Amino acid sequence: MHRSLIRMFVIATLCMGLGSAPDPACAARSSPADSASSSGTNGNPSIQISETVFDFGEVVEGAMVEHEFAVKNTGKGTLEIDQVRPG
């Protein structure tokens, strides 16, 4: 009985540890801060974003809110922005 409880505890601990491990695919993606500091060389595009995060504060449910981010291409290539997602 005692060994069964210990085994169950060890298995549960391992499952929780493996379930909370970071996803390597997510870690490989660049964050907005990484993109904002990239530099364009060899004719590549380079993005400059002065503000990468904006906090609306408390918003009443159902209210429409907007914020514009200034984005500038400081490189020589064409800058394409795709797969934009809310944080």
PDB file of N, CA and C in Angstrom:
ATOM      1  N   MET A   1       0.830  -1.188   0.000  1.00  0.00           N
ATOM      2  CA  MET A   1       0.000   0.000   0.000  1.00  0.00           C
ATOM      3  C   MET A   1       0.873   1.251   0.000  1.00  0.00           C
ATOM      4  N   HIS A   2       1.887   1.270   0.854  1.00  0.00           N
ATOM      5  CA  HIS A   2       2.773   2.429   0.962  1.00  0.00           C
ATOM      6  C   HIS A   2       3.529   2.658  -0.347  1.00  0.00           C
ATOM      7  N   ARG A   3       4.020   1.567  -0.967  1.00  0.00           N
ATOM      8  CA  ARG A   3       4.754   1.682  -2.233  1.00  0.00           C
ATOM      9  C   ARG A   3       3.838   2.173  -3.357  1.00  0.00           C
ATOM     10  N   SER A   4       2.597   1.747  -3.346  1.00  0.00           N
ATOM     11  CA  SER A   4       1.643   2.188  -4.369  1.00  0.00           C
ATOM     12  C   SER A   4       1.421   3.691  -4.279  1.00  0.00           C
ATOM     13  N   LEU A   5       1.308   4.205  -3.065  1.00  0.00           N
ATOM     14  CA  LEU A   5       1.123   5.646  -2.884  1.00  0.00           C
ATOM     15  C   LEU A   5       2.352   6.422  -3.354  1.00  0.00           C
ATOM     16  N   ILE A   6       3.525   5.896  -3.042  1.00  0.00           N
ATOM     17  CA  ILE A   6       4.760   6.558  -3.471  1.00  0.00           C
ATOM     18  C   ILE A   6       4.850   6.546  -4.994  1.00  0.00           C
ATOM     19  N   ARG A   7       4.531   5.402  -5.610  1.00  0.00           N
ATOM     20  CA  ARG A   7       4.557   5.310  -7.075  1.00  0.00           C
ATOM     21  C   ARG A   7       3.588   6.303  -7.706  1.00  0.00           C
ATOM     22  N   MET A   8       2.389   6.380  -7.174  1.00  0.00           N
ATOM     23  CA  MET A   8       1.388   7.300  -7.710  1.00  0.00           C
ATOM     24  C   MET A   8       1.850   8.747  -7.557  1.00  0.00           C
ATOM     25  N   PHE A   9       2.471   9.058  -6.435  1.00  0.00           N
ATOM     26  CA  PHE A   9       2.980  10.407  -6.206  1.00  0.00           C
ATOM     27  C   PHE A   9       4.089  10.746  -7.197  1.00  0.00           C
ATOM     28  N   VAL A  10       5.005   9.816  -7.420  1.00  0.00           N
ATOM     29  CA  VAL A  10       6.107  10.037  -8.361  1.00  0.00           C
ATOM     30  C   VAL A  10       5.567  10.217  -9.777  1.00  0.00           C
ATOM     31  N   ILE A  11       4.627   9.388 -10.183  1.00  0.00           N
ATOM     32  CA  ILE A  11       4.047   9.493 -11.526  1.00  0.00           C
ATOM     33  C   ILE A  11       3.313  10.825 -11.687  1.00  0.00           C
ATOM     34  N   ALA A  12       2.543  11.216 -10.690  1.00  0.00           N
ATOM     35  CA  ALA A  12       1.818  12.488 -10.757  1.00  0.00           C
ATOM     36  C   ALA A  12       2.788  13.665 -10.839  1.00  0.00           C
ATOM     37  N   THR A  13       3.873  13.601 -10.074  1.00  0.00           N
ATOM     38  CA  THR A  13       4.872  14.669 -10.100  1.00  0.00           C
ATOM     39  C   THR A  13       5.535  14.761 -11.473  1.00  0.00           C
ATOM     40  N   LEU A  14       5.883  13.628 -12.056  1.00  0.00           N
ATOM     41  CA  LEU A  14       6.489  13.619 -13.390  1.00  0.00           C
ATOM     42  C   LEU A  14       5.527  14.168 -14.438  1.00  0.00           C
ATOM     43  N   CYS A  15       4.263  13.781 -14.351  1.00  0.00           N
ATOM     44  CA  CYS A  15       3.271  14.276 -15.314  1.00  0.00           C
ATOM     45  C   CYS A  15       3.111  15.788 -15.215  1.00  0.00           C
ATOM     46  N   MET A  16       3.083  16.307 -14.002  1.00  0.00           N
ATOM     47  CA  MET A  16       2.959  17.761 -13.833  1.00  0.00           C
ATOM     48  C   MET A  16       4.196  18.465 -14.356  1.00  0.00           C
ATOM     49  N   GLY A  17       5.350  17.903 -14.119  1.00  0.00           N
ATOM     50  CA  GLY A  17       6.591  18.513 -14.588  1.00  0.00           C
ATOM     51  C   GLY A  17       6.692  18.524 -16.095  1.00  0.00           C
ATOM     52  N   LEU A  18       6.311  17.430 -16.735  1.00  0.00           N
ATOM     53  CA  LEU A  18       6.356  17.362 -18.195  1.00  0.00           C
ATOM     54  C   LEU A  18       5.282  18.234 -18.824  1.00  0.00           C
ATOM     55  N   GLY A  19       4.144  18.342 -18.180  1.00  0.00           N
ATOM     56  CA  GLY A  19       3.060  19.158 -18.714  1.00  0.00           C
ATOM     57  C   GLY A  19       3.340  20.642 -18.637  1.00  0.00           C
ATOM     58  N   SER A  20       4.195  21.051 -17.722  1.00  0.00           N
ATOM     59  CA  SER A  20       4.485  22.477 -17.580  1.00  0.00           C
ATOM     60  C   SER A  20       5.771  22.889 -18.287  1.00  0.00           C
ATOM     61  N   ALA A  21       6.405  21.971 -19.004  1.00  0.00           N
ATOM     62  CA  ALA A  21       7.635  22.302 -19.735  1.00  0.00           C
ATOM     63  C   ALA A  21       7.304  23.247 -20.883  1.00  0.00           C
ATOM     64  N   PRO A  22       8.184  24.213 -21.176  1.00  0.00           N
ATOM     65  CA  PRO A  22       7.910  25.151 -22.262  1.00  0.00           C
ATOM     66  C   PRO A  22       7.926  24.452 -23.613  1.00  0.00           C
ATOM     67  N   ASP A  23       7.075  24.930 -24.513  1.00  0.00           N
ATOM     68  CA  ASP A  23       6.984  24.376 -25.863  1.00  0.00           C
ATOM     69  C   ASP A  23       8.131  24.925 -26.697  1.00  0.00           C
ATOM     70  N   PRO A  24       9.019  24.071 -27.219  1.00  0.00           N
ATOM     71  CA  PRO A  24      10.157  24.562 -27.999  1.00  0.00           C
ATOM     72  C   PRO A  24       9.726  25.336 -29.236  1.00  0.00           C
ATOM     73  N   ALA A  25       8.586  25.002 -29.825  1.00  0.00           N
ATOM     74  CA  ALA A  25       8.114  25.723 -31.008  1.00  0.00           C
ATOM     75  C   ALA A  25       7.765  27.159 -30.651  1.00  0.00           C
ATOM     76  N   CYS A  26       7.203  27.369 -29.464  1.00  0.00           N
ATOM     77  CA  CYS A  26       6.865  28.726 -29.037  1.00  0.00           C
ATOM     78  C   CYS A  26       8.119  29.520 -28.719  1.00  0.00           C
ATOM     79  N   ALA A  27       9.114  28.879 -28.168  1.00  0.00           N
ATOM     80  CA  ALA A  27      10.344  29.577 -27.810  1.00  0.00           C
ATOM     81  C   ALA A  27      11.102  30.030 -29.049  1.00  0.00           C
ATOM     82  N   ALA A  28      10.925  29.312 -30.168  1.00  0.00           N
ATOM     83  CA  ALA A  28      11.644  29.655 -31.395  1.00  0.00           C
ATOM     84  C   ALA A  28      11.073  30.893 -32.064  1.00  0.00           C
ATOM     85  N   ARG A  29       9.813  31.215 -31.795  1.00  0.00           N
ATOM     86  CA  ARG A  29       9.207  32.406 -32.391  1.00  0.00           C
ATOM     87  C   ARG A  29       9.809  33.648 -31.771  1.00  0.00           C
ATOM     88  N   SER A  30       9.938  34.677 -32.563  1.00  0.00           N
ATOM     89  CA  SER A  30      10.482  35.919 -32.024  1.00  0.00           C
ATOM     90  C   SER A  30       9.370  36.721 -31.381  1.00  0.00           C
ATOM     91  N   SER A  31       9.694  37.420 -30.330  1.00  0.00           N
ATOM     92  CA  SER A  31       8.733  38.270 -29.650  1.00  0.00           C
ATOM     93  C   SER A  31       8.745  39.643 -30.294  1.00  0.00           C
ATOM     94  N   PRO A  32       7.718  40.478 -30.029  1.00  0.00           N
ATOM     95  CA  PRO A  32       7.719  41.822 -30.603  1.00  0.00           C
ATOM     96  C   PRO A  32       8.959  42.622 -30.232  1.00  0.00           C
ATOM     97  N   ALA A  33       9.470  42.424 -29.023  1.00  0.00           N
ATOM     98  CA  ALA A  33      10.670  43.154 -28.616  1.00  0.00           C
ATOM     99  C   ALA A  33      11.862  42.743 -29.465  1.00  0.00           C
ATOM    100  N   ASP A  34      11.957  41.436 -29.811  1.00  0.00           N
ATOM    101  CA  ASP A  34      13.043  40.979 -30.666  1.00  0.00           C
ATOM    102  C   ASP A  34      12.932  41.602 -32.049  1.00  0.00           C
ATOM    103  N   SER A  35      11.715  41.623 -32.600  1.00  0.00           N
ATOM    104  CA  SER A  35      11.504  42.184 -33.927  1.00  0.00           C
ATOM    105  C   SER A  35      11.764  43.679 -33.938  1.00  0.00           C
ATOM    106  N   ALA A  36      11.428  44.342 -32.850  1.00  0.00           N
ATOM    107  CA  ALA A  36      11.575  45.787 -32.805  1.00  0.00           C
ATOM    108  C   ALA A  36      13.032  46.208 -32.805  1.00  0.00           C
ATOM    109  N   SER A  37      13.918  45.335 -32.371  1.00  0.00           N
ATOM    110  CA  SER A  37      15.327  45.707 -32.292  1.00  0.00           C
ATOM    111  C   SER A  37      16.153  45.125 -33.432  1.00  0.00           C
ATOM    112  N   SER A  38      15.497  44.473 -34.410  1.00  0.00           N
ATOM    113  CA  SER A  38      16.263  43.874 -35.495  1.00  0.00           C
ATOM    114  C   SER A  38      16.830  44.952 -36.401  1.00  0.00           C
ATOM    115  N   SER A  39      17.986  44.673 -36.965  1.00  0.00           N
ATOM    116  CA  SER A  39      18.619  45.663 -37.827  1.00  0.00           C
ATOM    117  C   SER A  39      18.708  45.119 -39.236  1.00  0.00           C
ATOM    118  N   GLY A  40      18.424  45.973 -40.203  1.00  0.00           N
ATOM    119  CA  GLY A  40      18.452  45.547 -41.597  1.00  0.00           C
ATOM    120  C   GLY A  40      19.834  45.709 -42.195  1.00  0.00           C
ATOM    121  N   THR A  41      20.345  44.645 -42.757  1.00  0.00           N
ATOM    122  CA  THR A  41      21.618  44.694 -43.451  1.00  0.00           C
ATOM    123  C   THR A  41      21.461  43.963 -44.766  1.00  0.00           C
ATOM    124  N   ASN A  42      22.342  44.239 -45.705  1.00  0.00           N
ATOM    125  CA  ASN A  42      22.341  43.562 -47.002  1.00  0.00           C
ATOM    126  C   ASN A  42      21.010  43.706 -47.733  1.00  0.00           C
ATOM    127  N   GLY A  43      20.360  44.844 -47.628  1.00  0.00           N
ATOM    128  CA  GLY A  43      19.108  45.068 -48.331  1.00  0.00           C
ATOM    129  C   GLY A  43      17.904  44.420 -47.698  1.00  0.00           C
ATOM    130  N   ASN A  44      18.028  43.926 -46.487  1.00  0.00           N
ATOM    131  CA  ASN A  44      16.917  43.307 -45.781  1.00  0.00           C
ATOM    132  C   ASN A  44      16.051  44.372 -45.129  1.00  0.00           C
ATOM    133  N   PRO A  45      14.774  44.056 -44.889  1.00  0.00           N
ATOM    134  CA  PRO A  45      13.937  45.003 -44.161  1.00  0.00           C
ATOM    135  C   PRO A  45      14.342  45.058 -42.694  1.00  0.00           C
ATOM    136  N   SER A  46      14.056  46.153 -42.056  1.00  0.00           N
ATOM    137  CA  SER A  46      14.318  46.306 -40.626  1.00  0.00           C
ATOM    138  C   SER A  46      13.150  47.061 -40.027  1.00  0.00           C
ATOM    139  N   ILE A  47      12.581  46.516 -38.973  1.00  0.00           N
ATOM    140  CA  ILE A  47      11.406  47.134 -38.375  1.00  0.00           C
ATOM    141  C   ILE A  47      11.804  47.963 -37.164  1.00  0.00           C
ATOM    142  N   GLN A  48      11.201  49.136 -37.051  1.00  0.00           N
ATOM    143  CA  GLN A  48      11.417  49.998 -35.891  1.00  0.00           C
ATOM    144  C   GLN A  48      10.046  50.301 -35.297  1.00  0.00           C
ATOM    145  N   ILE A  49       9.858  49.885 -34.050  1.00  0.00           N
ATOM    146  CA  ILE A  49       8.601  50.112 -33.340  1.00  0.00           C
ATOM    147  C   ILE A  49       8.953  50.799 -32.032  1.00  0.00           C
ATOM    148  N   SER A  50       8.489  52.033 -31.873  1.00  0.00           N
ATOM    149  CA  SER A  50       8.854  52.773 -30.664  1.00  0.00           C
ATOM    150  C   SER A  50       8.085  52.280 -29.445  1.00  0.00           C
ATOM    151  N   GLU A  51       6.892  51.755 -29.646  1.00  0.00           N
ATOM    152  CA  GLU A  51       6.054  51.291 -28.541  1.00  0.00           C
ATOM    153  C   GLU A  51       5.557  49.892 -28.888  1.00  0.00           C
ATOM    154  N   THR A  52       5.994  48.873 -28.141  1.00  0.00           N
ATOM    155  CA  THR A  52       5.604  47.497 -28.453  1.00  0.00           C
ATOM    156  C   THR A  52       4.477  46.978 -27.569  1.00  0.00           C
ATOM    157  N   VAL A  53       4.144  47.688 -26.510  1.00  0.00           N
ATOM    158  CA  VAL A  53       3.090  47.266 -25.590  1.00  0.00           C
ATOM    159  C   VAL A  53       2.248  48.478 -25.235  1.00  0.00           C
ATOM    160  N   PHE A  54       0.933  48.281 -25.150  1.00  0.00           N
ATOM    161  CA  PHE A  54       0.037  49.347 -24.711  1.00  0.00           C
ATOM    162  C   PHE A  54      -0.986  48.746 -23.770  1.00  0.00           C
ATOM    163  N   ASP A  55      -1.210  49.393 -22.628  1.00  0.00           N
ATOM    164  CA  ASP A  55      -2.165  48.917 -21.632  1.00  0.00           C
ATOM    165  C   ASP A  55      -3.387  49.826 -21.660  1.00  0.00           C
ATOM    166  N   PHE A  56      -4.552  49.273 -21.980  1.00  0.00           N
ATOM    167  CA  PHE A  56      -5.782  50.055 -22.006  1.00  0.00           C
ATOM    168  C   PHE A  56      -6.312  50.322 -20.605  1.00  0.00           C
ATOM    169  N   GLY A  57      -5.740  49.678 -19.607  1.00  0.00           N
ATOM    170  CA  GLY A  57      -6.248  49.849 -18.251  1.00  0.00           C
ATOM    171  C   GLY A  57      -7.567  49.101 -18.103  1.00  0.00           C
ATOM    172  N   GLU A  58      -8.433  49.595 -17.243  1.00  0.00           N
ATOM    173  CA  GLU A  58      -9.735  48.958 -17.052  1.00  0.00           C
ATOM    174  C   GLU A  58     -10.667  49.390 -18.167  1.00  0.00           C
ATOM    175  N   VAL A  59     -11.287  48.410 -18.815  1.00  0.00           N
ATOM    176  CA  VAL A  59     -12.219  48.675 -19.908  1.00  0.00           C
ATOM    177  C   VAL A  59     -13.528  47.975 -19.584  1.00  0.00           C
ATOM    178  N   VAL A  60     -14.625  48.681 -19.777  1.00  0.00           N
ATOM    179  CA  VAL A  60     -15.939  48.108 -19.538  1.00  0.00           C
ATOM    180  C   VAL A  60     -16.194  47.027 -20.583  1.00  0.00           C
ATOM    181  N   GLU A  61     -16.736  45.896 -20.144  1.00  0.00           N
ATOM    182  CA  GLU A  61     -16.988  44.787 -21.055  1.00  0.00           C
ATOM    183  C   GLU A  61     -17.882  45.234 -22.203  1.00  0.00           C
ATOM    184  N   GLY A  62     -17.476  44.885 -23.417  1.00  0.00           N
ATOM    185  CA  GLY A  62     -18.240  45.236 -24.604  1.00  0.00           C
ATOM    186  C   GLY A  62     -17.829  46.559 -25.228  1.00  0.00           C
ATOM    187  N   ALA A  63     -16.996  47.334 -24.544  1.00  0.00           N
ATOM    188  CA  ALA A  63     -16.554  48.624 -25.079  1.00  0.00           C
ATOM    189  C   ALA A  63     -15.541  48.404 -26.194  1.00  0.00           C
ATOM    190  N   MET A  64     -15.592  49.250 -27.209  1.00  0.00           N
ATOM    191  CA  MET A  64     -14.630  49.193 -28.313  1.00  0.00           C
ATOM    192  C   MET A  64     -13.456  50.103 -27.962  1.00  0.00           C
ATOM    193  N   VAL A  65     -12.253  49.579 -28.065  1.00  0.00           N
ATOM    194  CA  VAL A  65     -11.054  50.369 -27.793  1.00  0.00           C
ATOM    195  C   VAL A  65     -10.101  50.241 -28.974  1.00  0.00           C
ATOM    196  N   GLU A  66      -9.326  51.271 -29.224  1.00  0.00           N
ATOM    197  CA  GLU A  66      -8.366  51.269 -30.325  1.00  0.00           C
ATOM    198  C   GLU A  66      -7.056  51.873 -29.865  1.00  0.00           C
ATOM    199  N   HIS A  67      -5.983  51.435 -30.510  1.00  0.00           N
ATOM    200  CA  HIS A  67      -4.668  52.046 -30.299  1.00  0.00           C
ATOM    201  C   HIS A  67      -3.859  51.834 -31.565  1.00  0.00           C
ATOM    202  N   GLU A  68      -3.151  52.836 -31.996  1.00  0.00           N
ATOM    203  CA  GLU A  68      -2.313  52.729 -33.182  1.00  0.00           C
ATOM    204  C   GLU A  68      -0.853  52.644 -32.773  1.00  0.00           C
ATOM    205  N   PHE A  69      -0.146  51.695 -33.380  1.00  0.00           N
ATOM    206  CA  PHE A  69       1.287  51.550 -33.173  1.00  0.00           C
ATOM    207  C   PHE A  69       1.999  52.088 -34.407  1.00  0.00           C
ATOM    208  N   ALA A  70       3.014  52.907 -34.198  1.00  0.00           N
ATOM    209  CA  ALA A  70       3.807  53.429 -35.307  1.00  0.00           C
ATOM    210  C   ALA A  70       4.875  52.403 -35.675  1.00  0.00           C
ATOM    211  N   VAL A  71       4.864  51.983 -36.935  1.00  0.00           N
ATOM    212  CA  VAL A  71       5.812  50.992 -37.438  1.00  0.00           C
ATOM    213  C   VAL A  71       6.558  51.619 -38.605  1.00  0.00           C
ATOM    214  N   LYS A  72       7.890  51.502 -38.591  1.00  0.00           N
ATOM    215  CA  LYS A  72       8.703  52.102 -39.651  1.00  0.00           C
ATOM    216  C   LYS A  72       9.693  51.069 -40.177  1.00  0.00           C
ATOM    217  N   ASN A  73       9.820  51.010 -41.490  1.00  0.00           N
ATOM    218  CA  ASN A  73      10.806  50.142 -42.118  1.00  0.00           C
ATOM    219  C   ASN A  73      12.080  50.957 -42.290  1.00  0.00           C
ATOM    220  N   THR A  74      13.103  50.649 -41.503  1.00  0.00           N
ATOM    221  CA  THR A  74      14.373  51.373 -41.589  1.00  0.00           C
ATOM    222  C   THR A  74      15.393  50.631 -42.448  1.00  0.00           C
ATOM    223  N   GLY A  75      14.989  49.505 -43.022  1.00  0.00           N
ATOM    224  CA  GLY A  75      15.885  48.741 -43.893  1.00  0.00           C
ATOM    225  C   GLY A  75      15.675  49.100 -45.350  1.00  0.00           C
ATOM    226  N   LYS A  76      16.327  48.357 -46.219  1.00  0.00           N
ATOM    227  CA  LYS A  76      16.246  48.625 -47.654  1.00  0.00           C
ATOM    228  C   LYS A  76      15.267  47.696 -48.363  1.00  0.00           C
ATOM    229  N   GLY A  77      14.946  46.554 -47.773  1.00  0.00           N
ATOM    230  CA  GLY A  77      14.025  45.604 -48.394  1.00  0.00           C
ATOM    231  C   GLY A  77      12.583  45.909 -48.046  1.00  0.00           C
ATOM    232  N   THR A  78      11.677  45.175 -48.677  1.00  0.00           N
ATOM    233  CA  THR A  78      10.249  45.337 -48.421  1.00  0.00           C
ATOM    234  C   THR A  78       9.903  44.663 -47.099  1.00  0.00           C
ATOM    235  N   LEU A  79       9.249  45.406 -46.228  1.00  0.00           N
ATOM    236  CA  LEU A  79       8.840  44.887 -44.923  1.00  0.00           C
ATOM    237  C   LEU A  79       7.434  44.326 -45.049  1.00  0.00           C
ATOM    238  N   GLU A  80       7.266  43.053 -44.739  1.00  0.00           N
ATOM    239  CA  GLU A  80       5.957  42.414 -44.763  1.00  0.00           C
ATOM    240  C   GLU A  80       5.578  42.048 -43.335  1.00  0.00           C
ATOM    241  N   ILE A  81       4.407  42.495 -42.915  1.00  0.00           N
ATOM    242  CA  ILE A  81       3.916  42.190 -41.572  1.00  0.00           C
ATOM    243  C   ILE A  81       2.728  41.253 -41.733  1.00  0.00           C
ATOM    244  N   ASP A  82       2.851  40.040 -41.181  1.00  0.00           N
ATOM    245  CA  ASP A  82       1.754  39.086 -41.251  1.00  0.00           C
ATOM    246  C   ASP A  82       1.648  38.343 -39.933  1.00  0.00           C
ATOM    247  N   GLN A  83       0.593  37.598 -39.795  1.00  0.00           N
ATOM    248  CA  GLN A  83       0.317  36.818 -38.588  1.00  0.00           C
ATOM    249  C   GLN A  83       0.282  37.691 -37.336  1.00  0.00           C
ATOM    250  N   VAL A  84      -0.396  38.826 -37.426  1.00  0.00           N
ATOM    251  CA  VAL A  84      -0.545  39.717 -36.275  1.00  0.00           C
ATOM    252  C   VAL A  84      -1.597  39.127 -35.348  1.00  0.00           C
ATOM    253  N   ARG A  85      -1.291  39.065 -34.056  1.00  0.00           N
ATOM    254  CA  ARG A  85      -2.198  38.498 -33.065  1.00  0.00           C
ATOM    255  C   ARG A  85      -2.267  39.410 -31.850  1.00  0.00           C
ATOM    256  N   PRO A  86      -3.416  39.454 -31.197  1.00  0.00           N
ATOM    257  CA  PRO A  86      -3.479  40.200 -29.939  1.00  0.00           C
ATOM    258  C   PRO A  86      -2.711  39.454 -28.864  1.00  0.00           C
ATOM    259  N   GLY A  87      -2.149  40.170 -27.927  1.00  0.00           N
ATOM    260  CA  GLY A  87      -1.357  39.561 -26.865  1.00  0.00           C
ATOM    261  C   GLY A  87      -2.212  38.908 -25.877  1.00  0.00           C
TER     262      GLY A  87
END
